[in-house]
């Protein structure tokens, strides 16, 4: 007999828990009055993902906080007090694996032929070359029972050569053949040797810790009691800035708010995508020749303009600083210190804002957090999942004595939601109190939040295990992220078809940039009487001129005009 467990009730509990931490999280003071108008609902009220963590419940709770802060801004802008925030549990679940639900011309991330539909921004073949792709993977080390996640990021050559391997092996295309070459190379080294090598070569690899062992590290001890995210004041000189007045008959909360996104891959772009849902004018800035994962742009670039600017050239800096003159929110998702070295970090931007007499909101997103010995290390979602203990917990859940990276980039999307909350909260404070504000979020703090809210009980885990396919149970530490996610996707499609109701959870746009229809997951939050949704569709990086004024006819038609 099935145990009575309600993800909806648990999501509501986590939402209340976060609201109780409003001061530490920098949330608007009006949250205490708004939280009673938040509804987390579900048609099914069931657990979906084959993992031991309450990802859906946590995502729904975070989306509820996001909606509550958006509601606070709506009250400032529209002067009404009776808004009701609604978060659907199934839509929150779709949010957590939206890259695997998105399609371009009907083809998804794992479909053969999809690469022909994309702009090739994998300039260093870190994704398209199977051998180089596996420079970002989890492997066994020389130490008995110890594992290390190497990560060549978007370049791969340095990590492979660090291990004594060739940068390219065009003869290796089969997964098992590639593993049989790379894992023996990793096994030559202890975890400490690999840590030292990574530090010397400034790579993103990390030891896969059990959670209790991570907490014993200096970095773990420093971060255990940190808030899930922070919003603090950078400067208090500039006066309050009212939200821009509405100029249309169908006004949006962030209409007129300008956002510059300096981010790649998933977590950072997700922050900007969410702000675009509320009506912000978002420009994603990448550099010419800067590598990015092509498919993640399909859903990650929704609602944005996307331009290229060389911030290391005098002309590029001039163009960028012209955009900065009117910016309200800046998002920085690059490795710690990279944007600061260019002169556009949080402190520099706060000084710029003081001179113009109008504060800014600056949001940093990183891997390891902002205190502790590893705060300056580069990292990605899998790195956070391994260092925090999420991967070991996943392996244990699957009945293994080894770590396994969980399916789907859920930590990325959860961190993106926290970043959006920080940005919205900073904007609220700028509106009501003035000054400039600094939001900080990290993949590690999201993972630690998962541990804080607690894993499923053993009876619930047993129920979940009973529904695992033999293919999923056959996965091991060295399987790639796409192997794990693809296997989980097939299992979800069979067990929970309601998650794949594209008419209910997705919307379709015609993209001139892709020359095809693009289907993406809809915004999760609904606020009664408020327009939430995209104003423009997706496009590849570098599709637009670097201007707040649309100078190209590159905006895309809404779903009702999508080409059949």
Protein backbone atom coordinates (compact mmCIF):
# COMPACT_ATOMS: atom_id res chain seq x y z
CA UNK A 1 0.00 0.00 0.00
CA UNK A 2 1.34 3.43 -1.02
CA UNK A 3 2.44 5.65 1.83
CA UNK A 4 0.69 8.97 2.25
CA UNK A 5 3.22 11.63 1.41
CA UNK A 6 2.24 14.97 -0.09
CA UNK A 7 4.87 16.89 -2.11
CA UNK A 8 2.47 19.85 -2.10
CA UNK A 9 2.39 19.99 1.70
CA UNK A 10 6.17 19.59 1.84
CA UNK A 11 6.66 22.37 -0.72
CA UNK A 12 4.45 24.62 1.39
CA UNK A 13 6.53 23.76 4.48
CA UNK A 14 9.77 24.66 2.68
CA UNK A 15 8.18 27.89 1.45
CA UNK A 16 7.27 28.85 5.02
CA UNK A 17 10.78 27.91 6.16
CA UNK A 18 12.31 30.27 3.59
CA UNK A 19 9.91 33.08 4.48
CA UNK A 20 10.95 32.73 8.12
CA UNK A 21 14.51 33.51 6.99
CA UNK A 22 13.42 36.68 5.16
CA UNK A 23 15.92 38.96 6.92
CA UNK A 24 18.92 36.72 6.24
CA UNK A 25 17.82 36.22 2.63
CA UNK A 26 17.27 39.92 1.97
CA UNK A 27 13.61 39.48 1.07
CA UNK A 28 11.21 42.46 1.03
CA UNK A 29 9.60 43.21 4.38
CA UNK A 30 6.16 42.88 2.77
CA UNK A 31 6.72 39.14 2.30
CA UNK A 32 5.16 38.51 5.71
CA UNK A 33 1.84 39.87 4.45
CA UNK A 34 2.07 38.39 0.96
CA UNK A 35 2.95 34.80 1.92
CA UNK A 36 -0.67 34.10 2.86
CA UNK A 37 -1.66 34.80 -0.75
CA UNK A 38 0.63 32.16 -2.22
CA UNK A 39 -0.87 28.89 -3.47
CA UNK A 40 1.20 25.81 -4.28
CA UNK A 41 -1.06 23.35 -6.10
CA UNK A 42 -0.99 20.09 -8.06
CA UNK A 43 -3.33 17.86 -10.04
CA UNK A 44 -1.33 14.76 -9.06
CA UNK A 45 0.69 15.52 -5.89
CA UNK A 46 3.33 12.88 -6.54
CA UNK A 47 7.09 12.48 -6.52
CA UNK A 48 8.61 12.26 -9.99
CA UNK A 49 12.39 12.24 -10.07
CA UNK A 50 14.54 9.14 -9.37
CA UNK A 51 16.58 10.88 -6.71
CA UNK A 52 16.68 10.98 -2.89
CA UNK A 53 16.29 14.78 -2.67
CA UNK A 54 13.13 16.86 -2.61
CA UNK A 55 13.98 18.70 -5.81
CA UNK A 56 10.40 19.28 -6.97
CA UNK A 57 9.26 20.44 -3.55
CA UNK A 58 12.27 22.77 -3.18
CA UNK A 59 11.82 24.19 -6.68
CA UNK A 60 8.12 24.81 -6.07
CA UNK A 61 8.93 26.55 -2.77
CA UNK A 62 11.59 28.72 -4.43
CA UNK A 63 9.17 29.58 -7.23
CA UNK A 64 6.65 30.55 -4.57
CA UNK A 65 9.21 32.90 -2.99
CA UNK A 66 10.01 34.27 -6.44
CA UNK A 67 6.31 34.89 -7.06
CA UNK A 68 5.89 36.55 -3.66
CA UNK A 69 8.74 38.99 -4.35
CA UNK A 70 7.34 39.67 -7.83
CA UNK A 71 3.98 40.30 -6.15
CA UNK A 72 5.63 42.82 -3.81
CA UNK A 73 6.98 44.66 -6.86
CA UNK A 74 3.56 44.49 -8.52
CA UNK A 75 2.02 46.15 -5.48
CA UNK A 76 4.58 48.96 -5.74
CA UNK A 77 3.91 49.39 -9.45
CA UNK A 78 0.17 48.89 -9.72
CA UNK A 79 -0.94 49.92 -6.25
CA UNK A 80 -3.10 46.85 -5.66
CA UNK A 81 -2.96 44.50 -2.71
CA UNK A 82 -5.10 41.53 -3.69
CA UNK A 83 -2.83 39.61 -6.03
CA UNK A 84 -2.76 35.82 -5.60
CA UNK A 85 0.40 33.89 -6.50
CA UNK A 86 -0.03 30.39 -7.94
CA UNK A 87 2.68 27.74 -8.42
CA UNK A 88 1.90 24.42 -10.09
CA UNK A 89 3.96 21.46 -8.83
CA UNK A 90 4.11 19.75 -12.23
CA UNK A 91 5.21 22.93 -13.96
CA UNK A 92 7.91 23.36 -11.30
CA UNK A 93 9.06 19.82 -12.08
CA UNK A 94 9.25 20.67 -15.79
CA UNK A 95 11.32 23.74 -14.90
CA UNK A 96 13.98 21.45 -13.40
CA UNK A 97 14.63 19.58 -16.64
CA UNK A 98 13.48 22.10 -19.19
CA UNK A 99 16.55 21.70 -21.41
CA UNK A 100 15.39 18.12 -22.05
CA UNK A 101 11.85 19.25 -22.86
CA UNK A 102 12.83 22.05 -25.24
CA UNK A 103 12.90 21.38 -28.99
CA UNK A 104 13.99 23.22 -32.10
CA UNK A 105 12.20 22.15 -35.27
CA UNK A 106 10.81 19.23 -33.27
CA UNK A 107 14.22 17.90 -32.20
CA UNK A 108 15.36 17.73 -28.57
CA UNK A 109 18.77 17.85 -26.95
CA UNK A 110 19.43 14.13 -27.34
CA UNK A 111 17.98 13.68 -30.84
CA UNK A 112 20.25 12.89 -33.76
CA UNK A 113 20.33 15.70 -36.26
CA UNK A 114 19.60 18.49 -33.79
CA UNK A 115 23.11 19.90 -34.24
CA UNK A 116 22.22 20.87 -37.80
CA UNK A 117 19.53 23.18 -36.39
CA UNK A 118 21.89 25.05 -34.05
CA UNK A 119 24.49 27.75 -34.35
CA UNK A 120 27.84 26.13 -33.64
CA UNK A 121 29.27 27.91 -30.60
CA UNK A 122 31.24 24.86 -29.45
CA UNK A 123 34.37 26.43 -30.88
CA UNK A 124 36.80 24.20 -28.99
CA UNK A 125 34.83 20.96 -29.56
CA UNK A 126 34.33 20.36 -25.85
CA UNK A 127 30.78 19.14 -26.52
CA UNK A 128 30.76 17.83 -30.08
CA UNK A 129 33.83 15.60 -29.74
CA UNK A 130 32.84 12.53 -27.62
CA UNK A 131 36.36 12.03 -26.29
CA UNK A 132 36.80 15.68 -25.28
CA UNK A 133 33.27 15.70 -23.87
CA UNK A 134 34.34 13.06 -21.34
CA UNK A 135 37.01 15.37 -19.95
CA UNK A 136 34.09 16.45 -17.79
CA UNK A 137 33.16 13.28 -15.94
CA UNK A 138 33.44 11.32 -12.71
CA UNK A 139 36.21 8.72 -12.40
CA UNK A 140 37.77 6.39 -9.85
CA UNK A 141 41.14 7.42 -8.42
CA UNK A 142 44.23 5.69 -7.06
CA UNK A 143 42.73 5.90 -3.56
CA UNK A 144 40.52 2.93 -2.80
CA UNK A 145 36.84 3.91 -2.88
CA UNK A 146 37.60 7.54 -3.78
CA UNK A 147 36.38 9.36 -6.89
CA UNK A 148 37.25 12.59 -8.64
CA UNK A 149 35.23 14.62 -11.11
CA UNK A 150 37.60 16.07 -13.68
CA UNK A 151 36.17 18.96 -15.67
CA UNK A 152 37.67 20.36 -18.84
CA UNK A 153 34.92 22.99 -18.89
CA UNK A 154 34.47 24.34 -22.43
CA UNK A 155 38.05 23.75 -23.53
CA UNK A 156 39.13 20.19 -22.45
CA UNK A 157 42.75 20.32 -23.69
CA UNK A 158 44.35 21.44 -20.43
CA UNK A 159 42.59 18.82 -18.29
CA UNK A 160 43.40 16.00 -20.71
CA UNK A 161 47.05 16.98 -21.01
CA UNK A 162 47.25 17.35 -17.23
CA UNK A 163 46.41 13.65 -17.05
CA UNK A 164 49.02 12.76 -19.66
CA UNK A 165 46.42 12.25 -22.38
CA UNK A 166 46.21 13.57 -25.90
CA UNK A 167 44.00 16.59 -26.50
CA UNK A 168 42.23 14.90 -29.43
CA UNK A 169 41.47 11.25 -30.17
CA UNK A 170 39.29 11.15 -33.27
CA UNK A 171 39.51 7.36 -33.25
CA UNK A 172 37.55 7.22 -29.98
CA UNK A 173 33.78 7.63 -30.36
CA UNK A 174 32.29 4.85 -28.24
CA UNK A 175 31.54 5.68 -24.59
CA UNK A 176 33.12 2.53 -23.14
CA UNK A 177 36.22 2.90 -25.30
CA UNK A 178 36.66 6.49 -24.13
CA UNK A 179 36.23 5.53 -20.48
CA UNK A 180 38.79 2.75 -20.89
CA UNK A 181 41.33 5.40 -21.88
CA UNK A 182 40.52 8.25 -19.48
CA UNK A 183 39.72 6.37 -16.26
CA UNK A 184 43.06 4.48 -16.11
CA UNK A 185 44.80 7.84 -16.50
CA UNK A 186 42.84 9.27 -13.55
CA UNK A 187 43.53 6.11 -11.49
CA UNK A 188 47.25 6.88 -11.58
CA UNK A 189 46.68 9.73 -9.14
CA UNK A 190 45.35 10.11 -5.62
CA UNK A 191 42.59 12.62 -4.90
CA UNK A 192 45.15 14.92 -3.26
CA UNK A 193 47.42 14.75 -6.30
CA UNK A 194 44.47 15.56 -8.54
CA UNK A 195 43.48 18.44 -6.29
CA UNK A 196 47.03 19.83 -6.49
CA UNK A 197 47.15 19.39 -10.27
CA UNK A 198 43.79 21.09 -10.68
CA UNK A 199 44.90 23.99 -8.53
CA UNK A 200 48.13 24.40 -10.50
CA UNK A 201 46.37 24.29 -13.87
CA UNK A 202 43.32 26.28 -12.63
CA UNK A 203 40.88 23.57 -13.63
CA UNK A 204 37.43 22.87 -12.20
CA UNK A 205 37.86 19.30 -11.01
CA UNK A 206 36.94 18.25 -7.49
CA UNK A 207 36.92 15.28 -5.13
CA UNK A 208 33.54 13.59 -4.77
CA UNK A 209 32.84 13.86 -1.04
CA UNK A 210 30.25 12.18 1.09
CA UNK A 211 28.20 14.96 2.66
CA UNK A 212 29.45 14.28 6.18
CA UNK A 213 33.05 14.42 4.92
CA UNK A 214 32.46 17.67 3.04
CA UNK A 215 31.17 19.26 6.24
CA UNK A 216 34.51 18.40 7.88
CA UNK A 217 36.48 20.35 5.29
CA UNK A 218 37.38 23.97 5.96
CA UNK A 219 35.14 25.05 3.12
CA UNK A 220 32.25 22.90 4.25
CA UNK A 221 32.45 24.23 7.80
CA UNK A 222 32.53 27.81 6.50
CA UNK A 223 29.45 27.37 4.33
CA UNK A 224 27.19 25.09 6.36
CA UNK A 225 25.38 27.91 8.16
CA UNK A 226 25.41 30.44 5.32
CA UNK A 227 22.01 31.59 3.99
CA UNK A 228 20.82 29.98 0.76
CA UNK A 229 21.43 33.37 -0.91
CA UNK A 230 22.12 36.93 0.22
CA UNK A 231 21.07 40.43 -0.81
CA UNK A 232 23.07 43.25 0.74
CA UNK A 233 23.50 46.95 0.09
CA UNK A 234 26.50 48.02 -1.98
CA UNK A 235 26.00 51.77 -1.62
CA UNK A 236 23.34 54.02 -0.13
CA UNK A 237 23.99 57.39 -1.76
CA UNK A 238 21.57 57.30 -4.70
CA UNK A 239 17.85 57.96 -4.08
CA UNK A 240 14.99 55.46 -4.47
CA UNK A 241 14.15 54.71 -8.10
CA UNK A 242 10.46 54.15 -8.89
CA UNK A 243 9.65 51.25 -11.20
CA UNK A 244 9.21 52.52 -14.79
CA UNK A 245 5.66 53.56 -15.58
CA UNK A 246 3.66 51.31 -17.89
CA UNK A 247 3.33 52.40 -21.51
CA UNK A 248 1.05 49.63 -22.77
CA UNK A 249 -2.50 48.47 -22.13
CA UNK A 250 -1.16 45.14 -20.86
CA UNK A 251 1.57 46.22 -18.39
CA UNK A 252 4.18 43.90 -16.93
CA UNK A 253 5.92 44.10 -13.57
CA UNK A 254 9.44 44.67 -14.92
CA UNK A 255 8.48 46.57 -18.05
CA UNK A 256 11.20 49.16 -18.65
CA UNK A 257 13.78 47.44 -16.42
CA UNK A 258 17.03 46.81 -18.31
CA UNK A 259 19.16 43.73 -17.59
CA UNK A 260 22.65 42.90 -18.85
CA UNK A 261 23.49 39.20 -18.65
CA UNK A 262 27.16 38.20 -18.53
CA UNK A 263 26.65 34.45 -18.17
CA UNK A 264 26.93 31.12 -19.97
CA UNK A 265 25.41 27.64 -19.90
CA UNK A 266 22.41 27.31 -17.47
CA UNK A 267 22.29 28.82 -13.98
CA UNK A 268 23.17 32.42 -14.88
CA UNK A 269 21.09 32.52 -18.09
CA UNK A 270 18.16 31.09 -16.11
CA UNK A 271 18.22 34.16 -13.84
CA UNK A 272 17.86 36.43 -16.87
CA UNK A 273 15.26 34.18 -18.50
CA UNK A 274 13.07 34.49 -15.40
CA UNK A 275 13.47 38.28 -15.29
CA UNK A 276 12.39 38.33 -18.93
CA UNK A 277 9.23 36.45 -17.97
CA UNK A 278 8.25 39.42 -15.80
CA UNK A 279 8.84 41.88 -18.65
CA UNK A 280 12.46 42.99 -18.21
CA UNK A 281 14.41 43.98 -21.32
CA UNK A 282 17.34 41.53 -21.29
CA UNK A 283 20.50 41.68 -23.39
CA UNK A 284 22.76 38.64 -23.15
CA UNK A 285 26.36 39.65 -23.83
CA UNK A 286 28.92 37.12 -25.00
CA UNK A 287 32.31 37.67 -26.64
CA UNK A 288 33.26 36.87 -30.22
CA UNK A 289 34.61 33.32 -30.37
CA UNK A 290 33.57 32.59 -26.78
CA UNK A 291 32.47 28.96 -26.48
CA UNK A 292 29.02 28.08 -25.20
CA UNK A 293 26.88 24.94 -25.32
CA UNK A 294 24.70 25.38 -28.45
CA UNK A 295 21.55 23.59 -27.32
CA UNK A 296 21.26 25.33 -23.96
CA UNK A 297 20.66 28.57 -25.87
CA UNK A 298 17.37 27.19 -27.24
CA UNK A 299 15.52 27.54 -23.94
CA UNK A 300 18.09 29.65 -22.07
CA UNK A 301 17.86 32.59 -24.50
CA UNK A 302 14.09 32.90 -24.36
CA UNK A 303 12.86 36.46 -23.86
CA UNK A 304 16.24 38.04 -24.58
CA UNK A 305 18.27 39.86 -27.14
CA UNK A 306 21.67 38.23 -27.64
CA UNK A 307 24.71 40.21 -28.73
CA UNK A 308 28.49 39.92 -28.95
CA UNK A 309 30.85 42.52 -27.52
CA UNK A 310 34.63 42.25 -27.10
CA UNK A 311 35.11 43.65 -23.61
CA UNK A 312 38.87 43.54 -24.02
CA UNK A 313 38.87 46.01 -26.92
CA UNK A 314 38.53 49.79 -26.64
CA UNK A 315 35.63 49.84 -29.09
CA UNK A 316 33.88 46.97 -27.29
CA UNK A 317 34.22 48.68 -23.92
CA UNK A 318 32.80 51.88 -25.38
CA UNK A 319 29.75 50.00 -26.68
CA UNK A 320 29.30 48.13 -23.39
CA UNK A 321 29.58 51.26 -21.28
CA UNK A 322 26.91 52.89 -23.44
CA UNK A 323 24.61 50.01 -22.42
CA UNK A 324 25.68 50.41 -18.78
CA UNK A 325 24.46 54.01 -18.75
CA UNK A 326 20.85 52.81 -18.59
CA UNK A 327 21.21 49.39 -16.96
CA UNK A 328 19.22 48.44 -13.85
CA UNK A 329 20.41 44.86 -13.20
CA UNK A 330 23.73 43.20 -14.04
CA UNK A 331 24.14 39.41 -13.87
CA UNK A 332 27.65 37.96 -13.55
CA UNK A 333 28.00 34.21 -13.92
CA UNK A 334 31.65 33.89 -14.94
CA UNK A 335 34.40 32.39 -12.85
CA UNK A 336 35.08 34.48 -9.72
CA UNK A 337 36.99 37.65 -10.45
CA UNK A 338 36.86 37.44 -14.26
CA UNK A 339 34.46 40.35 -14.75
CA UNK A 340 36.10 42.32 -11.91
CA UNK A 341 39.42 42.19 -13.81
CA UNK A 342 37.70 43.84 -16.75
CA UNK A 343 36.54 46.67 -14.46
CA UNK A 344 32.85 45.71 -14.40
CA UNK A 345 32.52 43.94 -11.06
CA UNK A 346 30.00 44.80 -8.35
CA UNK A 347 32.05 47.51 -6.59
CA UNK A 348 32.99 49.26 -9.83
CA UNK A 349 29.41 49.20 -11.04
CA UNK A 350 28.16 50.62 -7.73
CA UNK A 351 30.56 53.55 -8.13
CA UNK A 352 29.31 54.06 -11.70
CA UNK A 353 25.75 54.05 -10.39
CA UNK A 354 26.60 56.66 -7.75
CA UNK A 355 27.95 58.99 -10.43
CA UNK A 356 24.82 58.74 -12.51
CA UNK A 357 22.58 59.10 -9.43
CA UNK A 358 20.68 55.86 -10.00
CA UNK A 359 21.53 52.63 -8.17
CA UNK A 360 22.05 49.22 -9.75
CA UNK A 361 21.35 45.65 -8.72
CA UNK A 362 24.33 43.32 -9.25
CA UNK A 363 23.90 39.56 -8.92
CA UNK A 364 26.82 37.14 -8.80
CA UNK A 365 26.33 33.42 -9.48
CA UNK A 366 29.17 30.97 -8.89
CA UNK A 367 29.85 27.37 -7.91
CA UNK A 368 31.48 27.29 -4.46
CA UNK A 369 29.90 30.26 -2.67
CA UNK A 370 31.59 33.36 -1.31
CA UNK A 371 33.34 32.30 1.90
CA UNK A 372 35.84 29.55 2.59
CA UNK A 373 39.08 28.38 1.01
CA UNK A 374 37.49 27.35 -2.31
CA UNK A 375 35.39 30.45 -2.92
CA UNK A 376 37.54 31.52 -5.87
CA UNK A 377 37.55 28.13 -7.60
CA UNK A 378 35.77 27.71 -10.93
CA UNK A 379 33.04 25.13 -11.14
CA UNK A 380 29.87 23.81 -12.71
CA UNK A 381 26.73 21.97 -11.64
CA UNK A 382 28.36 18.51 -11.56
CA UNK A 383 31.26 19.91 -9.55
CA UNK A 384 28.89 21.26 -6.90
CA UNK A 385 26.92 18.02 -6.80
CA UNK A 386 30.12 16.06 -6.25
CA UNK A 387 31.76 18.30 -3.66
CA UNK A 388 28.60 18.75 -1.56
CA UNK A 389 27.78 15.04 -1.32
CA UNK A 390 24.76 15.05 -3.65
CA UNK A 391 26.46 12.57 -6.01
CA UNK A 392 27.33 10.13 -3.22
CA UNK A 393 23.75 10.33 -1.92
CA UNK A 394 22.49 9.59 -5.43
CA UNK A 395 24.71 6.53 -5.71
CA UNK A 396 23.61 5.27 -2.29
CA UNK A 397 19.96 5.77 -3.29
CA UNK A 398 20.60 3.54 -6.31
CA UNK A 399 22.05 0.82 -4.08
CA UNK A 400 25.67 1.53 -5.02
CA UNK A 401 28.85 2.14 -3.08
CA UNK A 402 29.99 4.85 -5.45
CA UNK A 403 28.86 8.38 -6.38
CA UNK A 404 26.63 9.03 -9.40
CA UNK A 405 25.80 12.50 -10.72
CA UNK A 406 22.00 12.97 -10.58
CA UNK A 407 20.00 13.26 -13.80
CA UNK A 408 19.29 16.67 -15.32
CA UNK A 409 20.89 20.01 -14.38
CA UNK A 410 18.48 20.58 -11.51
CA UNK A 411 21.01 22.36 -9.31
CA UNK A 412 21.55 24.80 -12.17
CA UNK A 413 17.87 25.64 -12.51
CA UNK A 414 17.35 25.87 -8.76
CA UNK A 415 20.31 28.24 -8.46
CA UNK A 416 18.90 30.28 -11.34
CA UNK A 417 15.65 30.67 -9.46
CA UNK A 418 17.51 31.81 -6.33
CA UNK A 419 19.38 34.34 -8.46
CA UNK A 420 16.11 35.69 -9.83
CA UNK A 421 14.79 36.06 -6.27
CA UNK A 422 17.95 37.96 -5.32
CA UNK A 423 17.61 40.24 -8.36
CA UNK A 424 13.92 40.93 -7.71
CA UNK A 425 14.61 41.59 -4.02
CA UNK A 426 17.46 43.96 -4.85
CA UNK A 427 15.17 45.81 -7.25
CA UNK A 428 12.51 46.08 -4.54
CA UNK A 429 15.05 47.58 -2.13
CA UNK A 430 16.34 50.02 -4.76
CA UNK A 431 12.74 51.08 -5.37
CA UNK A 432 11.84 51.58 -1.72
CA UNK A 433 15.17 52.53 -0.11
CA UNK A 434 17.49 53.61 -2.90
CA UNK A 435 21.16 52.76 -3.29
CA UNK A 436 22.75 49.80 -5.07
CA UNK A 437 22.28 46.17 -4.07
CA UNK A 438 24.32 43.00 -4.37
CA UNK A 439 22.82 39.53 -4.68
CA UNK A 440 24.98 36.42 -4.27
CA UNK A 441 23.92 32.88 -5.16
CA UNK A 442 25.83 29.66 -5.74
CA UNK A 443 25.33 26.10 -6.84
CA UNK A 444 26.81 24.90 -3.55
CA UNK A 445 24.32 26.83 -1.46
CA UNK A 446 21.47 25.37 -3.49
CA UNK A 447 22.79 21.85 -2.84
CA UNK A 448 23.17 22.62 0.85
CA UNK A 449 19.56 23.80 0.87
CA UNK A 450 18.56 20.35 -0.42
CA UNK A 451 20.34 18.77 2.53
CA UNK A 452 18.82 21.29 4.93
CA UNK A 453 15.23 20.51 3.91
CA UNK A 454 15.97 16.79 4.23
CA UNK A 455 15.93 13.78 1.96
CA UNK A 456 12.91 11.55 1.47
CA UNK A 457 12.22 9.02 4.18
CA UNK A 458 13.43 5.47 3.56
CA UNK A 459 9.87 4.21 2.86
CA UNK A 460 9.42 6.89 0.19
CA UNK A 461 12.85 6.10 -1.26
CA UNK A 462 11.84 2.44 -1.43
CA UNK A 463 8.71 3.38 -3.34
CA UNK A 464 10.79 5.37 -5.79
CA UNK A 465 13.29 2.53 -6.20
CA UNK A 466 10.46 0.17 -7.07
CA UNK A 467 9.75 2.29 -10.15
CA UNK A 468 13.34 2.47 -11.38
CA UNK A 469 14.04 0.83 -14.72
CA UNK A 470 16.76 -1.78 -15.07
CA UNK A 471 18.55 0.60 -17.45
CA UNK A 472 18.63 3.32 -14.80
CA UNK A 473 19.82 0.91 -12.11
CA UNK A 474 22.64 -0.15 -14.46
CA UNK A 475 24.13 3.35 -14.45
CA UNK A 476 27.47 3.86 -12.71
CA UNK A 477 29.80 6.70 -11.73
CA UNK A 478 31.48 6.95 -15.13
CA UNK A 479 28.32 7.34 -17.19
CA UNK A 480 28.03 10.78 -18.75
CA UNK A 481 25.48 13.41 -17.76
CA UNK A 482 23.59 12.82 -21.00
CA UNK A 483 23.62 9.03 -20.49
CA UNK A 484 22.15 9.46 -17.02
CA UNK A 485 19.67 12.15 -18.03
CA UNK A 486 18.61 10.36 -21.21
CA UNK A 487 17.95 7.14 -19.29
CA UNK A 488 15.96 9.02 -16.65
CA UNK A 489 14.02 10.86 -19.37
CA UNK A 490 12.82 7.63 -20.96
CA UNK A 491 11.80 6.32 -17.55
CA UNK A 492 9.84 9.50 -16.75
CA UNK A 493 8.08 9.41 -20.11
CA UNK A 494 6.89 5.90 -19.37
CA UNK A 495 5.97 6.38 -15.71
CA UNK A 496 4.64 9.95 -15.70
CA UNK A 497 3.28 10.97 -19.12
CA UNK A 498 1.48 13.94 -17.54
CA UNK A 499 4.83 15.79 -17.33
CA UNK A 500 5.11 15.66 -21.11
CA UNK A 501 1.84 17.40 -21.93
CA UNK A 502 3.41 20.05 -24.15
CA UNK A 503 0.15 21.95 -24.64
CA UNK A 504 -0.16 22.40 -20.89
CA UNK A 505 3.45 23.02 -19.91
CA UNK A 506 5.15 24.33 -23.06
CA UNK A 507 4.71 27.04 -25.66
CA UNK A 508 5.92 27.29 -29.26
CA UNK A 509 7.47 30.26 -31.04
CA UNK A 510 8.79 30.70 -34.54
CA UNK A 511 12.43 31.73 -34.32
CA UNK A 512 14.00 33.59 -37.20
CA UNK A 513 17.35 32.99 -35.57
CA UNK A 514 16.91 29.22 -35.81
CA UNK A 515 14.68 29.33 -38.88
CA UNK A 516 12.29 26.94 -37.16
CA UNK A 517 9.71 26.56 -34.41
CA UNK A 518 11.15 26.49 -30.91
CA UNK A 519 9.20 24.81 -28.09
CA UNK A 520 10.08 25.70 -24.48
CA UNK A 521 8.69 25.28 -20.96
CA UNK A 522 6.30 28.04 -19.90
CA UNK A 523 6.94 30.31 -16.89
CA UNK A 524 6.13 28.53 -13.62
CA UNK A 525 4.67 31.41 -11.60
CA UNK A 526 1.20 32.84 -12.22
CA UNK A 527 -0.12 35.94 -10.45
CA UNK A 528 -3.83 36.59 -10.87
CA UNK A 529 -4.38 39.73 -12.91
CA UNK A 530 -0.69 40.14 -13.88
CA UNK A 531 0.79 39.49 -17.31
CA UNK A 532 3.70 37.04 -17.04
CA UNK A 533 5.30 35.59 -20.15
CA UNK A 534 7.87 36.13 -22.86
CA UNK A 535 7.82 39.09 -25.22
CA UNK A 536 10.28 37.62 -27.66
CA UNK A 537 11.40 34.15 -28.54
CA UNK A 538 14.74 32.41 -28.46
CA UNK A 539 17.72 33.07 -30.69
CA UNK A 540 21.35 31.94 -30.82
CA UNK A 541 24.10 33.96 -29.20
CA UNK A 542 25.19 37.00 -31.19
CA UNK A 543 21.93 37.48 -33.09
CA UNK A 544 21.32 41.14 -32.18
CA UNK A 545 22.94 44.54 -32.24
CA UNK A 546 24.21 45.77 -28.84
CA UNK A 547 21.40 48.25 -28.26
CA UNK A 548 18.47 48.71 -25.91
CA UNK A 549 16.47 49.77 -28.96
CA UNK A 550 15.47 46.90 -31.26
CA UNK A 551 17.37 47.78 -34.43
CA UNK A 552 16.76 44.50 -36.19
CA UNK A 553 13.52 42.82 -37.03
CA UNK A 554 14.63 39.78 -35.06
CA UNK A 555 11.76 39.45 -32.61
CA UNK A 556 9.77 36.31 -33.05
CA UNK A 557 6.11 35.54 -33.37
CA UNK A 558 4.09 34.10 -30.54
CA UNK A 559 2.90 30.52 -30.55
CA UNK A 560 -0.42 31.20 -32.28
CA UNK A 561 1.61 32.37 -35.30
CA UNK A 562 4.14 29.53 -35.19
CA UNK A 563 4.67 27.86 -38.53
CA UNK A 564 2.98 24.50 -38.92
